[in-house]
Amino acid sequence: MTGPVAVVGGGLAGASAAVRLATAGRAVVLFERTTGPHDKVCGEFLSFEAIEALREIGLEPRALGAVPIDRVTVCVGGRRTTSTLPFEALSLSRRVLDEALLELAERSGVEVRRGKRVRALAPCAQGWALALAAGAGTLTASDVFLATGKHEVRGYGRPPGGHDDLIGFKLHLAPPASLRDAVAGEVSLHLFDGGYAGLEPIEGDLANLCLVVRKARFAALGLSWPRLVESLARTCPFLAPVLGSSKAGTAKPLAIAAIPYGHVQSAAEPGLWRLGDQAAVIPSFAGEGMAIALHSGRLAADRLLSGASSGVYQRALATDVGRRVRGATWLSRAMVTGPGRMAASALLAAVPSAPVRIGLWTRLPTRVATGRQARLEPV
C-alpha cells in the first residue's frame, strides 16, 4: 500500500515510533490533540530500559533536566524500608519529555499536526481513513499507529483490564527547601486504605505525587480530593510532611478513571498497530509504563519497516510484556486490600530487599528493552 503512516497520539509511544519511521525514510503524519506542553497522569519514573530507548533515538533525558533516582522506599503504616536501585533511573516530567520527543519528531521529518483530534477510523481500499474532529478533514494512510494512551478512538476502545476499579490522581508539589533533601534521589511507595501513592522528585525542585485509589474508597470520602489528602496525611506518616507543607489539599490534581490495569492486546486488524497504553497497561507502582511505551514504539516501527504485519507485532509485544503486566496486576489488586497491606508489611520485615527484587521482576528483559544482549550493572 502507498500513503503515509498515521500516528494518532504524540506521547512516548507514538512520537518515538514516528521518529524511527521518519529516520528510515517513511512518510509519517502525527496527530496530537493538545496544542502545547501539558501534564499527564503518570508516575514519571524513567527506568534503565526507558533511558536506553530514549538515548537510542538521540534523546538524552539528563540534558532535559531529568533528576537521578538511586533508591526506592516502601512505606506501610509506620514501617519504612529503603533499598538501593541496582540500575540507572531518572525522573522527568511528561510536560518536558513529551515536548522534547515531538520536537525531535519534527526534526526527523515527521509532519506533526497539533490540536488535531482523530474522531473516527475506518478500513478502506488504500489502508485506513481517518476522520478528524471539528470538520478538520480526512486523511488516508497505509497504516495507523494508535497511541492515544488511556484515551479511546470511537469504535476502537479496549476491553476492561483485570484491575479497573481504580481512579488515578497526579499532582506536582513544591516541597520547601527543608524537605527537598528528604525526597531527593528517592522514589517512595506508600500503601494506604484502598490504594497506594508514589512520590518522587522531578526537575525544578518539584515532586510528583501520583496515586490510585479504589472507587469505593473515594466514594466513602465523599468524592473529595481534600478529604483524600487529609486521609493520606493521617495514615501515611512518611508522606504527611510533604503533603502538609506543599498545600496538596487545596490544589486541583489531574484525574483519570477506570484505568485498565492488566490489559494486554494480542490481536490486531490489518494495518492497525496499538502502542503504549493502547497495547499494554501495567500498574503504576511497577515504574515500567514509560519503558513499555517506548519499547512498543521501537518494536512497531521495526516490524513495519521489515514488512511484518500488525498482527505479528501485536503478538510479539504481548509475549514481551504479558507476564510482567499480569504479575504486576495481581500484586496491585493485593496491595489495595487490608490483608495485602498486612502481607506487604510482614514481607518488608522479613526481606528488606523485597522491593528491589519485585522491581527487577517487573522490568523488561534487557535484551528486549534494548534490542541487544546486555547485563544490568549497578550504578
Protein backbone atom coordinates (compact mmCIF):
# COMPACT_ATOMS: atom_id res chain seq x y z
CA MET A 1 0.00 0.00 0.00
CA THR A 2 1.11 3.57 -0.57
CA GLY A 3 0.47 6.64 1.56
CA PRO A 4 1.88 7.89 4.86
CA VAL A 5 1.81 6.13 8.19
CA ALA A 6 -0.59 7.94 10.51
CA VAL A 7 0.40 8.11 14.16
CA VAL A 8 -2.51 9.02 16.44
CA GLY A 9 -1.10 10.40 19.68
CA GLY A 10 2.13 12.24 20.38
CA GLY A 11 3.17 10.70 23.67
CA LEU A 12 6.15 8.46 24.28
CA ALA A 13 4.99 5.52 22.17
CA GLY A 14 3.64 7.48 19.22
CA ALA A 15 6.37 10.11 18.97
CA SER A 16 9.24 7.62 19.38
CA ALA A 17 7.76 5.33 16.71
CA ALA A 18 7.29 8.30 14.39
CA VAL A 19 10.96 9.27 14.83
CA ARG A 20 12.10 5.76 13.92
CA LEU A 21 9.86 5.56 10.85
CA ALA A 22 10.80 9.01 9.54
CA THR A 23 14.50 8.39 10.11
CA ALA A 24 14.15 5.27 7.97
CA GLY A 25 12.61 7.33 5.16
CA ARG A 26 8.89 6.68 5.65
CA ALA A 27 6.34 9.47 5.31
CA VAL A 28 4.69 9.98 8.70
CA VAL A 29 1.84 12.24 9.84
CA LEU A 30 1.39 12.51 13.60
CA PHE A 31 -1.82 13.84 15.17
CA GLU A 32 -1.58 15.25 18.70
CA ARG A 33 -4.82 16.57 20.16
CA THR A 34 -3.15 19.06 22.52
CA THR A 35 -1.77 22.36 21.26
CA GLY A 36 1.17 22.72 23.64
CA PRO A 37 3.04 21.34 26.66
CA HIS A 38 0.82 19.61 29.17
CA ASP A 39 0.93 17.24 32.13
CA LYS A 40 -0.39 13.69 32.22
CA VAL A 41 -1.38 11.25 34.93
CA CYS A 42 1.94 9.41 35.09
CA GLY A 43 4.50 8.41 37.71
CA GLU A 44 7.26 10.00 35.56
CA PHE A 45 9.81 7.32 36.51
CA LEU A 46 12.35 6.51 33.79
CA SER A 47 13.80 3.06 34.32
CA PHE A 48 17.05 1.82 32.82
CA GLU A 49 15.09 0.40 29.87
CA ALA A 50 13.30 3.68 29.17
CA ILE A 51 16.54 5.68 29.38
CA GLU A 52 18.25 3.36 26.89
CA ALA A 53 15.32 3.59 24.48
CA LEU A 54 15.44 7.40 24.56
CA ARG A 55 19.18 7.51 24.04
CA GLU A 56 18.83 5.10 21.14
CA ILE A 57 16.83 7.68 19.17
CA GLY A 58 19.09 10.57 20.14
CA LEU A 59 17.38 11.99 23.23
CA GLU A 60 19.38 12.36 26.44
CA PRO A 61 16.98 12.80 29.40
CA ARG A 62 19.68 14.26 31.68
CA ALA A 63 20.12 17.10 29.17
CA LEU A 64 16.41 17.86 29.61
CA GLY A 65 16.80 18.25 33.36
CA ALA A 66 15.99 14.71 34.49
CA VAL A 67 16.98 14.07 38.10
CA PRO A 68 18.70 10.87 39.25
CA ILE A 69 16.86 8.27 41.33
CA ASP A 70 19.10 5.86 43.23
CA ARG A 71 16.86 4.27 45.85
CA VAL A 72 13.32 3.00 46.40
CA THR A 73 11.40 3.24 49.67
CA VAL A 74 8.21 1.38 50.55
CA CYS A 75 6.07 2.64 53.44
CA VAL A 76 3.25 0.68 55.05
CA GLY A 77 1.83 2.47 58.08
CA GLY A 78 4.77 3.16 60.36
CA ARG A 79 7.14 0.73 58.61
CA ARG A 80 9.64 2.15 56.14
CA THR A 81 12.11 0.10 54.09
CA THR A 82 14.70 1.61 51.73
CA SER A 83 16.82 -0.20 49.14
CA THR A 84 19.38 0.96 46.61
CA LEU A 85 18.40 0.54 42.97
CA PRO A 86 20.84 -1.70 41.06
CA PHE A 87 20.42 0.22 37.81
CA GLU A 88 20.32 3.77 36.48
CA ALA A 89 16.97 5.53 36.92
CA LEU A 90 15.80 9.08 36.34
CA SER A 91 12.70 11.19 36.84
CA LEU A 92 11.42 13.73 34.34
CA SER A 93 8.02 15.35 33.88
CA ARG A 94 5.93 14.32 30.91
CA ARG A 95 5.40 18.01 30.14
CA VAL A 96 9.11 18.29 29.30
CA LEU A 97 9.74 14.82 27.90
CA ASP A 98 6.77 14.67 25.53
CA GLU A 99 7.55 18.07 24.05
CA ALA A 100 11.17 17.08 23.50
CA LEU A 101 10.03 13.96 21.67
CA LEU A 102 7.64 15.91 19.45
CA GLU A 103 10.37 18.41 18.61
CA LEU A 104 12.68 15.51 17.74
CA ALA A 105 9.95 14.04 15.54
CA GLU A 106 9.64 17.29 13.61
CA ARG A 107 13.41 17.49 13.15
CA SER A 108 13.35 13.91 11.89
CA GLY A 109 10.87 14.78 9.15
CA VAL A 110 7.56 13.86 10.77
CA GLU A 111 4.60 16.07 9.84
CA VAL A 112 3.26 16.93 13.30
CA ARG A 113 -0.28 18.31 13.43
CA ARG A 114 -1.01 19.82 16.85
CA GLY A 115 -4.51 20.48 18.12
CA LYS A 116 -5.95 17.82 15.82
CA ARG A 117 -8.06 15.01 17.23
CA VAL A 118 -8.92 11.89 15.25
CA ARG A 119 -12.57 11.16 15.93
CA ALA A 120 -13.00 8.01 13.81
CA LEU A 121 -11.06 5.32 11.96
CA ALA A 122 -12.27 3.05 9.18
CA PRO A 123 -10.56 0.49 6.92
CA CYS A 124 -10.57 1.46 3.23
CA ALA A 125 -9.10 0.26 -0.06
CA GLN A 126 -5.94 2.33 0.47
CA GLY A 127 -5.49 1.19 4.07
CA TRP A 128 -7.20 3.37 6.66
CA ALA A 129 -9.33 6.51 6.53
CA LEU A 130 -9.03 8.91 9.44
CA ALA A 131 -11.76 11.46 10.13
CA LEU A 132 -10.68 14.50 12.13
CA ALA A 133 -12.84 16.26 14.69
CA ALA A 134 -14.44 19.69 14.21
CA GLY A 135 -14.67 19.30 10.45
CA ALA A 136 -10.90 19.36 10.02
CA GLY A 137 -10.99 16.93 7.11
CA THR A 138 -9.84 13.37 6.49
CA LEU A 139 -6.60 11.53 5.75
CA THR A 140 -5.91 8.22 4.08
CA ALA A 141 -2.98 6.26 5.49
CA SER A 142 -1.39 2.92 4.67
CA ASP A 143 -1.14 2.05 8.38
CA VAL A 144 -2.30 3.57 11.66
CA PHE A 145 -0.25 3.57 14.85
CA LEU A 146 -2.86 4.04 17.58
CA ALA A 147 -1.03 5.63 20.52
CA THR A 148 -3.69 7.62 22.32
CA GLY A 149 -2.71 6.42 25.78
CA LYS A 150 -5.68 5.92 28.06
CA HIS A 151 -7.98 7.84 25.70
CA GLU A 152 -10.07 5.95 23.13
CA VAL A 153 -10.96 6.50 19.49
CA ARG A 154 -14.63 5.79 18.82
CA GLY A 155 -15.20 2.21 17.76
CA TYR A 156 -11.71 1.08 18.78
CA GLY A 157 -11.88 1.01 22.57
CA ARG A 158 -10.09 -1.57 24.69
CA PRO A 159 -11.78 -4.16 26.90
CA PRO A 160 -11.63 -3.65 30.67
CA GLY A 161 -8.39 -4.66 32.33
CA GLY A 162 -8.02 -7.09 35.19
CA HIS A 163 -7.93 -4.33 37.79
CA ASP A 164 -10.04 -1.43 36.56
CA ASP A 165 -11.81 -0.23 39.72
CA LEU A 166 -9.23 2.49 40.39
CA ILE A 167 -9.15 6.26 39.97
CA GLY A 168 -5.76 7.84 39.28
CA PHE A 169 -4.64 11.28 40.50
CA LYS A 170 -1.49 13.23 39.76
CA LEU A 171 -0.18 16.48 41.20
CA HIS A 172 3.14 18.33 41.15
CA LEU A 173 4.10 19.59 44.59
CA ALA A 174 6.66 22.18 45.67
CA PRO A 175 8.30 20.87 48.87
CA PRO A 176 10.02 23.57 50.93
CA ALA A 177 13.81 23.62 50.98
CA SER A 178 13.82 21.91 54.37
CA LEU A 179 12.23 18.78 52.86
CA ARG A 180 13.99 18.59 49.50
CA ASP A 181 16.88 16.56 50.81
CA ALA A 182 14.40 14.05 52.23
CA VAL A 183 12.87 13.31 48.82
CA ALA A 184 15.97 13.83 46.66
CA GLY A 185 17.09 10.73 44.77
CA GLU A 186 14.22 8.62 46.07
CA VAL A 187 11.05 7.13 44.67
CA SER A 188 8.75 6.19 47.53
CA LEU A 189 5.65 3.99 47.52
CA HIS A 190 3.04 4.50 50.26
CA LEU A 191 0.30 1.91 50.80
CA PHE A 192 -2.94 3.16 52.32
CA ASP A 193 -6.54 2.05 52.77
CA GLY A 194 -7.85 1.33 49.28
CA GLY A 195 -4.85 2.43 47.23
CA TYR A 196 -1.21 3.43 47.00
CA ALA A 197 0.73 6.59 46.24
CA GLY A 198 4.12 7.25 44.67
CA LEU A 199 6.28 10.30 45.30
CA GLU A 200 9.50 11.26 43.54
CA PRO A 201 11.43 14.43 42.74
CA ILE A 202 11.36 15.91 39.26
CA GLU A 203 13.11 18.87 37.67
CA GLY A 204 12.66 22.39 39.01
CA ASP A 205 12.76 21.38 42.70
CA LEU A 206 9.29 19.85 42.35
CA ALA A 207 7.96 16.46 43.39
CA ASN A 208 5.47 14.31 41.51
CA LEU A 209 2.67 12.77 43.57
CA CYS A 210 0.81 10.08 41.64
CA LEU A 211 -1.70 7.79 43.32
CA VAL A 212 -4.52 5.36 42.67
CA VAL A 213 -7.50 4.73 44.92
CA ARG A 214 -10.39 2.32 44.65
CA LYS A 215 -13.63 3.88 43.51
CA ALA A 216 -15.47 2.65 46.60
CA ARG A 217 -12.87 4.17 48.92
CA PHE A 218 -13.01 7.52 47.14
CA ALA A 219 -16.81 7.45 47.28
CA ALA A 220 -16.60 6.83 51.05
CA LEU A 221 -14.58 10.05 51.26
CA GLY A 222 -17.37 11.94 49.54
CA LEU A 223 -15.54 12.00 46.19
CA SER A 224 -13.46 14.79 47.74
CA TRP A 225 -9.80 15.31 46.87
CA PRO A 226 -9.12 17.41 50.03
CA ARG A 227 -10.61 14.66 52.20
CA LEU A 228 -8.47 12.07 50.41
CA VAL A 229 -5.36 14.16 51.09
CA GLU A 230 -6.38 14.51 54.74
CA SER A 231 -6.77 10.74 54.97
CA LEU A 232 -3.33 10.21 53.44
CA ALA A 233 -1.74 12.66 55.87
CA ARG A 234 -3.28 10.75 58.81
CA THR A 235 -2.39 7.24 57.67
CA CYS A 236 0.89 7.74 55.76
CA PRO A 237 3.27 9.30 58.33
CA PHE A 238 6.23 9.43 55.94
CA LEU A 239 4.16 11.19 53.25
CA ALA A 240 2.40 13.59 55.60
CA PRO A 241 5.19 16.24 55.87
CA VAL A 242 5.31 16.77 52.10
CA LEU A 243 1.51 16.84 51.81
CA GLY A 244 1.14 19.35 54.63
CA SER A 245 3.89 21.71 53.56
CA SER A 246 3.02 21.65 49.87
CA LYS A 247 -0.67 22.52 50.26
CA ALA A 248 -1.66 19.44 48.29
CA GLY A 249 -5.22 19.50 49.60
CA THR A 250 -6.00 22.90 48.07
CA ALA A 251 -4.56 22.24 44.62
CA LYS A 252 -6.51 20.63 41.78
CA PRO A 253 -5.00 17.36 40.58
CA LEU A 254 -5.28 15.68 37.21
CA ALA A 255 -7.55 12.65 37.37
CA ILE A 256 -8.44 9.62 35.29
CA ALA A 257 -10.98 6.88 35.98
CA ALA A 258 -11.29 3.21 35.05
CA ILE A 259 -7.60 2.66 34.35
CA PRO A 260 -7.45 -0.72 32.54
CA TYR A 261 -4.55 -2.21 34.51
CA GLY A 262 -3.78 -5.66 33.19
CA HIS A 263 -4.85 -5.03 29.60
CA VAL A 264 -2.59 -6.73 27.03
CA GLN A 265 -3.53 -6.59 23.34
CA SER A 266 -2.57 -9.66 21.33
CA ALA A 267 -4.90 -9.43 18.31
CA ALA A 268 -4.83 -6.80 15.56
CA GLU A 269 -6.70 -5.71 12.48
CA PRO A 270 -4.52 -5.49 9.35
CA GLY A 271 -2.68 -2.17 9.34
CA LEU A 272 -3.78 -1.11 12.84
CA TRP A 273 -0.94 -1.09 15.36
CA ARG A 274 -1.70 -0.43 19.03
CA LEU A 275 1.13 1.18 21.01
CA GLY A 276 1.74 2.20 24.61
CA ASP A 277 -1.28 2.02 26.90
CA GLN A 278 -3.41 1.03 23.93
CA ALA A 279 -1.42 -2.21 23.86
CA ALA A 280 -0.48 -2.94 27.48
CA VAL A 281 -1.23 -1.23 30.80
CA ILE A 282 1.00 -2.13 33.74
CA PRO A 283 0.14 -0.86 37.24
CA SER A 284 1.95 2.35 38.04
CA PHE A 285 3.82 1.03 41.10
CA ALA A 286 5.99 -1.10 38.77
CA GLY A 287 7.60 2.01 37.26
CA GLU A 288 7.79 0.36 33.84
CA GLY A 289 4.93 2.06 31.98
CA MET A 290 7.16 4.50 30.10
CA ALA A 291 9.63 1.74 29.20
CA ILE A 292 6.82 -0.39 27.78
CA ALA A 293 5.52 2.57 25.77
CA LEU A 294 8.95 3.22 24.28
CA HIS A 295 9.53 -0.48 23.63
CA SER A 296 6.21 -0.72 21.79
CA GLY A 297 7.23 2.24 19.60
CA ARG A 298 10.54 0.61 18.73
CA LEU A 299 9.00 -2.81 18.08
CA ALA A 300 6.13 -1.50 15.93
CA ALA A 301 8.41 0.66 13.79
CA ASP A 302 10.92 -2.15 13.33
CA ARG A 303 8.24 -4.69 12.38
CA LEU A 304 6.56 -2.36 9.90
CA LEU A 305 9.89 -1.46 8.28
CA SER A 306 10.76 -5.15 7.97
CA GLY A 307 7.46 -5.88 6.21
CA ALA A 308 5.79 -7.75 9.07
CA SER A 309 2.08 -7.41 9.79
CA SER A 310 0.44 -5.61 12.67
CA GLY A 311 -0.67 -9.00 13.98
CA VAL A 312 2.93 -10.24 14.15
CA TYR A 313 3.90 -7.09 16.05
CA GLN A 314 0.99 -7.28 18.48
CA ARG A 315 1.71 -10.91 19.37
CA ALA A 316 5.42 -10.17 19.82
CA LEU A 317 4.70 -7.27 22.17
CA ALA A 318 2.24 -9.37 24.18
CA THR A 319 4.95 -12.02 24.54
CA ASP A 320 7.49 -9.44 25.71
CA VAL A 321 5.33 -7.75 28.33
CA GLY A 322 2.36 -10.02 29.08
CA ARG A 323 3.78 -11.98 32.02
CA ARG A 324 5.05 -8.82 33.71
CA VAL A 325 1.79 -6.93 33.24
CA ARG A 326 -0.24 -9.84 34.60
CA GLY A 327 2.06 -10.33 37.59
CA ALA A 328 2.13 -6.63 38.47
CA THR A 329 -1.67 -6.50 38.16
CA TRP A 330 -2.03 -9.37 40.60
CA LEU A 331 0.21 -7.53 43.06
CA SER A 332 -1.69 -4.27 42.56
CA ARG A 333 -5.00 -5.95 43.36
CA ALA A 334 -3.50 -7.30 46.56
CA MET A 335 -1.87 -4.02 47.61
CA VAL A 336 -5.15 -2.09 47.77
CA THR A 337 -6.66 -4.52 50.29
CA GLY A 338 -6.18 -4.68 54.05
CA PRO A 339 -4.76 -8.24 54.02
CA GLY A 340 -2.46 -7.23 51.17
CA ARG A 341 -1.03 -4.33 53.17
CA MET A 342 -0.50 -6.60 56.18
CA ALA A 343 1.30 -9.12 53.98
CA ALA A 344 3.44 -6.36 52.48
CA SER A 345 4.42 -5.13 55.95
CA ALA A 346 5.38 -8.65 57.02
CA LEU A 347 7.37 -9.19 53.83
CA LEU A 348 9.31 -5.95 54.31
CA ALA A 349 10.17 -7.00 57.86
CA ALA A 350 11.42 -10.41 56.73
CA VAL A 351 13.04 -9.43 53.41
CA PRO A 352 14.08 -5.74 53.31
CA SER A 353 15.33 -6.14 49.74
CA ALA A 354 11.89 -7.31 48.52
CA PRO A 355 11.00 -4.01 46.75
CA VAL A 356 14.10 -4.20 44.55
CA ARG A 357 13.58 -7.90 43.85
CA ILE A 358 9.99 -7.29 42.84
CA GLY A 359 11.06 -4.27 40.80
CA LEU A 360 13.60 -6.31 38.88
CA TRP A 361 10.98 -8.99 38.24
CA THR A 362 8.61 -6.46 36.64
CA ARG A 363 11.36 -4.95 34.43
CA LEU A 364 11.51 -5.73 30.74
CA PRO A 365 14.32 -8.18 29.99
CA THR A 366 17.36 -6.16 28.94
CA ARG A 367 17.65 -7.97 25.61
CA VAL A 368 14.03 -6.95 24.88
CA ALA A 369 14.27 -3.39 26.18
CA THR A 370 17.47 -2.53 24.31
CA GLY A 371 17.19 -4.86 21.35
CA ARG A 372 20.52 -6.46 22.20
CA GLN A 373 22.04 -8.80 24.73
CA ALA A 374 23.26 -6.86 27.75
CA ARG A 375 23.53 -7.00 31.52
CA LEU A 376 22.36 -4.62 34.20
CA GLU A 377 25.23 -3.06 36.08
CA PRO A 378 24.99 -1.32 39.45
CA VAL A 379 25.49 2.43 39.30
